[in-house]
Amino acid sequence: IPLRDGVVRLVDEALEEGIKVAVCSTSNEKAVAQIVKMMGDDRAEKIRIFAGDVVQFKKPAPDVYLLAANTLMVKPEDCMVVEDSCIGLAAAKAAKMSCIVTKSTYTKNEEFEDAELVVDDLETGSVDLTTCEGLTQSTQWEDWGIDKDIQNANVGRGRW
């Protein structure tokens, strides 16, 4: 499975700025870890994985996102989720997180009215940290310092 366009670039931008990055997926941890490892060992060791088998209720319940935010000590409203389905978007919104949707072959005809932004992919949609800053529900982006956090969760639901 190839990585989705723009994922590595956005992850690199976040990691370079000291922003926490996590992948939250309904898939099992082993499958998600293999996808994350495709980004390279250096990146993979900096990305936390929260798989569907670590929470009682899967998406559209917000459990996996709330677990990630709590574990990373990040306020949900300071998180940016990248999703590709209505179920994932519903989970992000239920967790009170902002969400960018990247359409996939499977979801290109779905409506994503609650998303902060909908793009075909992270590359051609020109999604970068500045975009994420402007779309988060939190107003605390100006005082990042050591506490600046974003959650790039569930990028592509394992189909990057």
N, C-alpha and C. Protein backbone atom coordinates (compact mmCIF):
# COMPACT_ATOMS: atom_id res chain seq x y z
N ILE A 1 0.86 -1.18 0.00
CA ILE A 1 0.00 0.00 0.00
C ILE A 1 0.90 1.24 0.00
N PRO A 2 0.76 2.09 -0.99
CA PRO A 2 1.60 3.30 -1.03
C PRO A 2 1.12 4.35 -0.03
N LEU A 3 2.04 5.18 0.39
CA LEU A 3 1.69 6.31 1.26
C LEU A 3 0.91 7.32 0.44
N ARG A 4 -0.06 7.95 1.04
CA ARG A 4 -0.86 8.95 0.34
C ARG A 4 -0.04 10.23 0.15
N ASP A 5 -0.30 10.90 -0.97
CA ASP A 5 0.43 12.12 -1.31
C ASP A 5 0.36 13.16 -0.20
N GLY A 6 1.51 13.69 0.16
CA GLY A 6 1.59 14.77 1.13
C GLY A 6 1.73 14.35 2.57
N VAL A 7 1.52 13.07 2.87
CA VAL A 7 1.57 12.62 4.26
C VAL A 7 2.96 12.81 4.86
N VAL A 8 3.98 12.33 4.17
CA VAL A 8 5.34 12.42 4.71
C VAL A 8 5.75 13.87 4.89
N ARG A 9 5.43 14.71 3.92
CA ARG A 9 5.79 16.13 4.02
C ARG A 9 5.15 16.77 5.24
N LEU A 10 3.86 16.54 5.45
CA LEU A 10 3.17 17.14 6.59
C LEU A 10 3.70 16.58 7.91
N VAL A 11 3.94 15.29 7.96
CA VAL A 11 4.52 14.69 9.17
C VAL A 11 5.89 15.29 9.45
N ASP A 12 6.72 15.44 8.41
CA ASP A 12 8.04 16.04 8.60
C ASP A 12 7.94 17.47 9.12
N GLU A 13 7.02 18.25 8.56
CA GLU A 13 6.84 19.63 9.04
C GLU A 13 6.49 19.64 10.52
N ALA A 14 5.57 18.77 10.90
CA ALA A 14 5.14 18.71 12.30
C ALA A 14 6.28 18.29 13.21
N LEU A 15 6.97 17.22 12.84
CA LEU A 15 8.06 16.73 13.69
C LEU A 15 9.19 17.74 13.81
N GLU A 16 9.50 18.43 12.72
CA GLU A 16 10.55 19.45 12.76
C GLU A 16 10.21 20.59 13.73
N GLU A 17 8.93 20.85 13.91
CA GLU A 17 8.49 21.90 14.82
C GLU A 17 8.24 21.39 16.23
N GLY A 18 8.51 20.11 16.47
CA GLY A 18 8.31 19.54 17.80
C GLY A 18 6.86 19.24 18.11
N ILE A 19 6.05 19.10 17.08
CA ILE A 19 4.63 18.83 17.26
C ILE A 19 4.42 17.33 17.39
N LYS A 20 3.60 16.94 18.33
CA LYS A 20 3.30 15.53 18.56
C LYS A 20 2.44 15.01 17.41
N VAL A 21 2.80 13.82 16.93
CA VAL A 21 2.09 13.20 15.82
C VAL A 21 1.66 11.80 16.25
N ALA A 22 0.42 11.46 15.95
CA ALA A 22 -0.10 10.13 16.26
C ALA A 22 -0.94 9.64 15.09
N VAL A 23 -1.02 8.33 14.98
CA VAL A 23 -1.90 7.71 14.00
C VAL A 23 -2.94 6.93 14.80
N CYS A 24 -4.20 7.24 14.56
CA CYS A 24 -5.30 6.55 15.23
C CYS A 24 -6.09 5.82 14.16
N SER A 25 -6.16 4.52 14.26
CA SER A 25 -6.78 3.72 13.21
C SER A 25 -7.68 2.65 13.81
N THR A 26 -8.65 2.24 13.02
CA THR A 26 -9.49 1.12 13.43
C THR A 26 -8.81 -0.21 13.13
N SER A 27 -7.74 -0.18 12.36
CA SER A 27 -6.98 -1.39 12.05
C SER A 27 -6.18 -1.84 13.27
N ASN A 28 -5.66 -3.06 13.21
CA ASN A 28 -4.86 -3.55 14.34
C ASN A 28 -3.48 -2.89 14.34
N GLU A 29 -2.85 -2.90 15.49
CA GLU A 29 -1.59 -2.17 15.68
C GLU A 29 -0.49 -2.66 14.74
N LYS A 30 -0.40 -3.95 14.51
CA LYS A 30 0.65 -4.48 13.64
C LYS A 30 0.52 -3.93 12.22
N ALA A 31 -0.68 -3.90 11.69
CA ALA A 31 -0.91 -3.39 10.34
C ALA A 31 -0.58 -1.90 10.26
N VAL A 32 -0.99 -1.14 11.27
CA VAL A 32 -0.72 0.30 11.28
C VAL A 32 0.78 0.56 11.40
N ALA A 33 1.45 -0.21 12.24
CA ALA A 33 2.90 -0.04 12.42
C ALA A 33 3.65 -0.29 11.12
N GLN A 34 3.20 -1.24 10.33
CA GLN A 34 3.85 -1.51 9.04
C GLN A 34 3.71 -0.32 8.10
N ILE A 35 2.55 0.31 8.10
CA ILE A 35 2.33 1.49 7.25
C ILE A 35 3.20 2.65 7.74
N VAL A 36 3.22 2.88 9.05
CA VAL A 36 4.02 3.97 9.61
C VAL A 36 5.50 3.74 9.31
N LYS A 37 5.94 2.50 9.38
CA LYS A 37 7.34 2.18 9.12
C LYS A 37 7.73 2.51 7.67
N MET A 38 6.76 2.55 6.77
CA MET A 38 7.04 2.91 5.38
C MET A 38 7.56 4.35 5.27
N MET A 39 7.31 5.15 6.29
CA MET A 39 7.80 6.53 6.30
C MET A 39 9.26 6.61 6.74
N GLY A 40 9.82 5.49 7.15
CA GLY A 40 11.21 5.46 7.60
C GLY A 40 11.29 5.29 9.10
N ASP A 41 12.34 4.62 9.54
CA ASP A 41 12.50 4.31 10.96
C ASP A 41 12.59 5.55 11.84
N ASP A 42 13.29 6.59 11.36
CA ASP A 42 13.43 7.81 12.16
C ASP A 42 12.07 8.44 12.44
N ARG A 43 11.23 8.51 11.43
CA ARG A 43 9.89 9.07 11.63
C ARG A 43 9.05 8.14 12.50
N ALA A 44 9.09 6.85 12.17
CA ALA A 44 8.24 5.88 12.86
C ALA A 44 8.44 5.89 14.36
N GLU A 45 9.68 6.07 14.81
CA GLU A 45 9.92 6.05 16.25
C GLU A 45 9.38 7.30 16.96
N LYS A 46 9.03 8.32 16.20
CA LYS A 46 8.49 9.56 16.78
C LYS A 46 6.97 9.64 16.71
N ILE A 47 6.35 8.66 16.05
CA ILE A 47 4.90 8.68 15.84
C ILE A 47 4.25 7.65 16.75
N ARG A 48 3.31 8.09 17.56
CA ARG A 48 2.56 7.17 18.43
C ARG A 48 1.43 6.54 17.64
N ILE A 49 1.19 5.27 17.88
CA ILE A 49 0.12 4.54 17.21
C ILE A 49 -0.94 4.17 18.23
N PHE A 50 -2.17 4.47 17.89
CA PHE A 50 -3.33 4.10 18.70
C PHE A 50 -4.25 3.31 17.77
N ALA A 51 -4.23 1.99 17.92
CA ALA A 51 -5.00 1.13 17.03
C ALA A 51 -6.37 0.82 17.62
N GLY A 52 -7.24 0.34 16.77
CA GLY A 52 -8.61 0.07 17.17
C GLY A 52 -8.76 -0.96 18.26
N ASP A 53 -7.74 -1.78 18.46
CA ASP A 53 -7.85 -2.81 19.48
C ASP A 53 -7.49 -2.32 20.88
N VAL A 54 -7.24 -1.01 21.04
CA VAL A 54 -6.90 -0.49 22.37
C VAL A 54 -8.06 0.25 23.03
N VAL A 55 -9.19 0.34 22.33
CA VAL A 55 -10.36 1.00 22.90
C VAL A 55 -11.58 0.08 22.77
N GLN A 56 -12.54 0.30 23.64
CA GLN A 56 -13.73 -0.55 23.63
C GLN A 56 -14.61 -0.26 22.41
N PHE A 57 -14.78 1.02 22.08
CA PHE A 57 -15.66 1.39 20.98
C PHE A 57 -14.86 2.00 19.84
N LYS A 58 -15.08 1.49 18.65
CA LYS A 58 -14.38 1.99 17.46
C LYS A 58 -15.13 3.17 16.87
N LYS A 59 -14.50 3.83 15.91
CA LYS A 59 -15.14 4.94 15.21
C LYS A 59 -16.48 4.47 14.65
N PRO A 60 -17.49 5.28 14.72
CA PRO A 60 -17.50 6.72 14.90
C PRO A 60 -17.44 7.21 16.36
N ALA A 61 -17.29 6.30 17.31
CA ALA A 61 -17.08 6.74 18.69
C ALA A 61 -15.73 7.47 18.76
N PRO A 62 -15.60 8.46 19.61
CA PRO A 62 -14.37 9.26 19.68
C PRO A 62 -13.26 8.63 20.52
N ASP A 63 -13.48 7.43 21.04
CA ASP A 63 -12.59 6.83 22.03
C ASP A 63 -11.11 6.83 21.65
N VAL A 64 -10.78 6.41 20.43
CA VAL A 64 -9.37 6.30 20.05
C VAL A 64 -8.72 7.68 19.99
N TYR A 65 -9.46 8.70 19.55
CA TYR A 65 -8.92 10.05 19.51
C TYR A 65 -8.74 10.62 20.91
N LEU A 66 -9.71 10.37 21.78
CA LEU A 66 -9.61 10.87 23.15
C LEU A 66 -8.48 10.18 23.91
N LEU A 67 -8.29 8.88 23.66
CA LEU A 67 -7.17 8.17 24.27
C LEU A 67 -5.84 8.77 23.81
N ALA A 68 -5.73 9.05 22.53
CA ALA A 68 -4.49 9.63 22.00
C ALA A 68 -4.22 11.00 22.63
N ALA A 69 -5.24 11.84 22.66
CA ALA A 69 -5.07 13.18 23.23
C ALA A 69 -4.67 13.09 24.71
N ASN A 70 -5.33 12.22 25.45
CA ASN A 70 -5.03 12.06 26.86
C ASN A 70 -3.61 11.53 27.07
N THR A 71 -3.24 10.52 26.31
CA THR A 71 -1.90 9.93 26.43
C THR A 71 -0.81 10.94 26.08
N LEU A 72 -1.05 11.73 25.04
CA LEU A 72 -0.06 12.72 24.61
C LEU A 72 -0.15 14.02 25.40
N MET A 73 -1.12 14.08 26.32
CA MET A 73 -1.35 15.27 27.14
C MET A 73 -1.61 16.50 26.27
N VAL A 74 -2.54 16.33 25.36
CA VAL A 74 -2.94 17.38 24.42
C VAL A 74 -4.43 17.61 24.58
N LYS A 75 -4.86 18.86 24.60
CA LYS A 75 -6.28 19.15 24.65
C LYS A 75 -6.91 18.77 23.31
N PRO A 76 -8.06 18.10 23.33
CA PRO A 76 -8.71 17.73 22.06
C PRO A 76 -8.90 18.91 21.11
N GLU A 77 -9.24 20.06 21.65
CA GLU A 77 -9.47 21.23 20.78
C GLU A 77 -8.18 21.75 20.15
N ASP A 78 -7.03 21.27 20.60
CA ASP A 78 -5.75 21.65 20.00
C ASP A 78 -5.29 20.65 18.94
N CYS A 79 -6.10 19.64 18.70
CA CYS A 79 -5.72 18.57 17.78
C CYS A 79 -6.26 18.81 16.37
N MET A 80 -5.48 18.41 15.39
CA MET A 80 -5.92 18.39 14.00
C MET A 80 -5.90 16.95 13.53
N VAL A 81 -7.04 16.47 13.09
CA VAL A 81 -7.19 15.11 12.60
C VAL A 81 -7.22 15.16 11.08
N VAL A 82 -6.57 14.21 10.44
CA VAL A 82 -6.69 14.05 8.99
C VAL A 82 -7.41 12.73 8.78
N GLU A 83 -8.54 12.80 8.14
CA GLU A 83 -9.41 11.64 7.94
C GLU A 83 -9.72 11.46 6.46
N ASP A 84 -10.37 10.33 6.15
CA ASP A 84 -10.80 10.12 4.77
C ASP A 84 -12.20 9.52 4.66
N SER A 85 -12.95 9.51 5.77
CA SER A 85 -14.29 8.93 5.72
C SER A 85 -15.23 9.70 6.63
N CYS A 86 -16.52 9.54 6.38
CA CYS A 86 -17.53 10.17 7.23
C CYS A 86 -17.49 9.60 8.64
N ILE A 87 -17.21 8.31 8.76
CA ILE A 87 -17.13 7.69 10.08
C ILE A 87 -15.97 8.29 10.88
N GLY A 88 -14.83 8.45 10.24
CA GLY A 88 -13.68 9.05 10.91
C GLY A 88 -13.92 10.51 11.26
N LEU A 89 -14.56 11.24 10.34
CA LEU A 89 -14.91 12.64 10.60
C LEU A 89 -15.84 12.74 11.80
N ALA A 90 -16.83 11.85 11.86
CA ALA A 90 -17.76 11.86 13.00
C ALA A 90 -17.02 11.59 14.31
N ALA A 91 -16.05 10.69 14.29
CA ALA A 91 -15.27 10.39 15.49
C ALA A 91 -14.45 11.60 15.92
N ALA A 92 -13.82 12.26 14.96
CA ALA A 92 -13.02 13.46 15.27
C ALA A 92 -13.90 14.55 15.87
N LYS A 93 -15.05 14.79 15.26
CA LYS A 93 -15.95 15.84 15.75
C LYS A 93 -16.51 15.49 17.13
N ALA A 94 -16.81 14.20 17.35
CA ALA A 94 -17.31 13.78 18.67
C ALA A 94 -16.24 13.98 19.74
N ALA A 95 -14.97 13.93 19.33
CA ALA A 95 -13.86 14.17 20.25
C ALA A 95 -13.56 15.66 20.41
N LYS A 96 -14.31 16.52 19.71
CA LYS A 96 -14.13 17.98 19.74
C LYS A 96 -12.81 18.40 19.09
N MET A 97 -12.41 17.66 18.06
CA MET A 97 -11.18 17.96 17.33
C MET A 97 -11.50 18.53 15.96
N SER A 98 -10.60 19.33 15.44
CA SER A 98 -10.73 19.84 14.07
C SER A 98 -10.34 18.72 13.12
N CYS A 99 -10.86 18.78 11.89
CA CYS A 99 -10.61 17.68 10.96
C CYS A 99 -10.49 18.17 9.52
N ILE A 100 -9.43 17.72 8.87
CA ILE A 100 -9.24 17.89 7.43
C ILE A 100 -9.55 16.53 6.81
N VAL A 101 -10.35 16.52 5.77
CA VAL A 101 -10.67 15.26 5.09
C VAL A 101 -9.95 15.21 3.75
N THR A 102 -9.28 14.09 3.53
CA THR A 102 -8.71 13.80 2.22
C THR A 102 -9.59 12.72 1.60
N LYS A 103 -10.14 13.02 0.45
CA LYS A 103 -11.02 12.05 -0.20
C LYS A 103 -10.21 10.85 -0.69
N SER A 104 -10.84 9.69 -0.64
CA SER A 104 -10.22 8.49 -1.17
C SER A 104 -11.09 7.94 -2.29
N THR A 105 -10.61 6.94 -2.96
CA THR A 105 -11.39 6.29 -4.01
C THR A 105 -12.73 5.82 -3.46
N TYR A 106 -12.71 5.37 -2.21
CA TYR A 106 -13.91 4.82 -1.59
C TYR A 106 -14.87 5.89 -1.07
N THR A 107 -14.36 7.08 -0.80
CA THR A 107 -15.20 8.11 -0.17
C THR A 107 -15.36 9.37 -1.00
N LYS A 108 -14.94 9.34 -2.26
CA LYS A 108 -14.94 10.56 -3.07
C LYS A 108 -16.33 11.15 -3.28
N ASN A 109 -17.38 10.35 -3.13
CA ASN A 109 -18.74 10.86 -3.32
C ASN A 109 -19.47 11.16 -2.02
N GLU A 110 -18.79 10.98 -0.89
CA GLU A 110 -19.41 11.27 0.41
C GLU A 110 -19.40 12.77 0.68
N GLU A 111 -20.34 13.22 1.49
CA GLU A 111 -20.42 14.62 1.91
C GLU A 111 -19.68 14.76 3.24
N PHE A 112 -18.87 15.78 3.35
CA PHE A 112 -18.07 16.01 4.55
C PHE A 112 -18.33 17.41 5.09
N GLU A 113 -19.60 17.72 5.31
CA GLU A 113 -20.01 19.08 5.68
C GLU A 113 -19.40 19.58 6.98
N ASP A 114 -19.11 18.70 7.92
CA ASP A 114 -18.59 19.13 9.22
C ASP A 114 -17.07 19.31 9.24
N ALA A 115 -16.40 18.97 8.15
CA ALA A 115 -14.94 19.10 8.10
C ALA A 115 -14.54 20.56 7.98
N GLU A 116 -13.40 20.88 8.58
CA GLU A 116 -12.86 22.23 8.44
C GLU A 116 -12.35 22.47 7.03
N LEU A 117 -11.89 21.40 6.37
CA LEU A 117 -11.37 21.50 5.01
C LEU A 117 -11.48 20.13 4.36
N VAL A 118 -11.82 20.10 3.07
CA VAL A 118 -11.87 18.86 2.30
C VAL A 118 -10.96 19.04 1.09
N VAL A 119 -10.02 18.11 0.91
CA VAL A 119 -9.08 18.17 -0.22
C VAL A 119 -8.97 16.78 -0.85
N ASP A 120 -8.50 16.76 -2.09
CA ASP A 120 -8.29 15.47 -2.75
C ASP A 120 -7.13 14.72 -2.11
N ASP A 121 -6.08 15.43 -1.75
CA ASP A 121 -4.96 14.84 -1.03
C ASP A 121 -4.20 15.96 -0.33
N LEU A 122 -3.27 15.61 0.50
CA LEU A 122 -2.55 16.61 1.29
C LEU A 122 -1.55 17.40 0.47
N GLU A 123 -1.18 16.89 -0.69
CA GLU A 123 -0.20 17.57 -1.52
C GLU A 123 -0.86 18.63 -2.40
N THR A 124 -1.81 18.21 -3.24
CA THR A 124 -2.43 19.16 -4.16
C THR A 124 -3.37 20.11 -3.43
N GLY A 125 -3.78 19.74 -2.23
CA GLY A 125 -4.64 20.62 -1.45
C GLY A 125 -3.86 21.68 -0.70
N SER A 126 -2.54 21.68 -0.86
CA SER A 126 -1.66 22.65 -0.21
C SER A 126 -1.88 22.73 1.30
N VAL A 127 -2.03 21.59 1.93
CA VAL A 127 -2.20 21.54 3.38
C VAL A 127 -0.82 21.53 4.02
N ASP A 128 -0.59 22.53 4.89
CA ASP A 128 0.66 22.60 5.64
C ASP A 128 0.34 23.02 7.07
N LEU A 129 1.38 23.22 7.87
CA LEU A 129 1.14 23.58 9.27
C LEU A 129 0.39 24.90 9.41
N THR A 130 0.66 25.84 8.53
CA THR A 130 -0.06 27.11 8.57
C THR A 130 -1.55 26.89 8.35
N THR A 131 -1.88 26.02 7.41
CA THR A 131 -3.28 25.68 7.16
C THR A 131 -3.90 25.08 8.42
N CYS A 132 -3.19 24.14 9.02
CA CYS A 132 -3.69 23.48 10.23
C CYS A 132 -3.89 24.47 11.36
N GLU A 133 -2.95 25.39 11.51
CA GLU A 133 -3.06 26.41 12.55
C GLU A 133 -4.34 27.21 12.39
N GLY A 134 -4.63 27.60 11.17
CA GLY A 134 -5.80 28.43 10.91
C GLY A 134 -7.11 27.70 11.07
N LEU A 135 -7.07 26.39 11.02
CA LEU A 135 -8.31 25.61 11.07
C LEU A 135 -8.63 25.02 12.43
N THR A 136 -7.68 25.01 13.35
CA THR A 136 -7.95 24.40 14.65
C THR A 136 -8.95 25.24 15.43
N GLN A 137 -9.65 24.58 16.30
CA GLN A 137 -10.67 25.25 17.11
C GLN A 137 -10.04 26.05 18.23
N SER A 138 -8.80 25.75 18.58
CA SER A 138 -8.12 26.43 19.68
C SER A 138 -7.55 27.76 19.21
N THR A 139 -7.46 28.70 20.12
CA THR A 139 -6.84 29.98 19.80
C THR A 139 -5.45 30.08 20.41
N GLN A 140 -4.93 28.97 20.90
CA GLN A 140 -3.66 28.99 21.61
C GLN A 140 -2.46 28.72 20.72
N TRP A 141 -2.61 28.78 19.43
CA TRP A 141 -1.49 28.48 18.54
C TRP A 141 -0.39 29.54 18.64
N GLU A 142 -0.72 30.76 19.04
CA GLU A 142 0.30 31.80 19.10
C GLU A 142 1.34 31.53 20.19
N ASP A 143 0.94 30.90 21.26
CA ASP A 143 1.84 30.65 22.39
C ASP A 143 2.34 29.21 22.39
N TRP A 144 2.77 28.73 21.28
CA TRP A 144 3.18 27.34 21.19
C TRP A 144 4.29 26.99 22.16
N GLY A 145 5.47 27.57 21.98
CA GLY A 145 6.60 27.21 22.82
C GLY A 145 6.75 25.70 22.90
N ILE A 146 7.06 25.21 24.09
CA ILE A 146 7.27 23.78 24.25
C ILE A 146 5.96 23.00 24.26
N ASP A 147 4.85 23.69 24.46
CA ASP A 147 3.57 23.02 24.55
C ASP A 147 2.82 22.93 23.23
N LYS A 148 3.43 23.32 22.14
CA LYS A 148 2.68 23.28 20.89
C LYS A 148 2.43 21.84 20.49
N ASP A 149 1.19 21.53 20.23
CA ASP A 149 0.78 20.17 19.94
C ASP A 149 -0.23 20.14 18.80
N ILE A 150 -0.14 19.13 18.02
CA ILE A 150 -1.16 18.84 17.01
C ILE A 150 -1.23 17.33 16.91
N GLN A 151 -2.37 16.82 16.63
CA GLN A 151 -2.49 15.39 16.43
C GLN A 151 -2.82 15.15 14.98
N ASN A 152 -1.89 14.55 14.23
CA ASN A 152 -2.16 14.15 12.86
C ASN A 152 -2.57 12.70 12.97
N ALA A 153 -3.86 12.50 13.22
CA ALA A 153 -4.31 11.18 13.54
C ALA A 153 -5.03 10.55 12.38
N ASN A 154 -4.84 9.29 12.35
CA ASN A 154 -5.56 8.49 11.37
C ASN A 154 -5.37 8.98 9.95
N VAL A 155 -4.18 9.25 9.59
CA VAL A 155 -3.92 9.72 8.24
C VAL A 155 -4.25 8.60 7.27
N GLY A 156 -5.31 8.78 6.55
CA GLY A 156 -5.68 7.82 5.53
C GLY A 156 -6.23 6.51 6.04
N ARG A 157 -6.55 6.41 7.30
CA ARG A 157 -7.07 5.19 7.89
C ARG A 157 -6.27 3.98 7.44
N GLY A 158 -4.95 4.10 7.44
CA GLY A 158 -4.10 2.99 7.05
C GLY A 158 -3.95 2.85 5.55
N ARG A 159 -4.57 3.71 4.76
CA ARG A 159 -4.46 3.66 3.29
C ARG A 159 -3.77 4.92 2.82
N TRP A 160 -2.57 5.17 3.25
CA TRP A 160 -1.86 6.39 2.92
C TRP A 160 -1.38 6.29 1.51
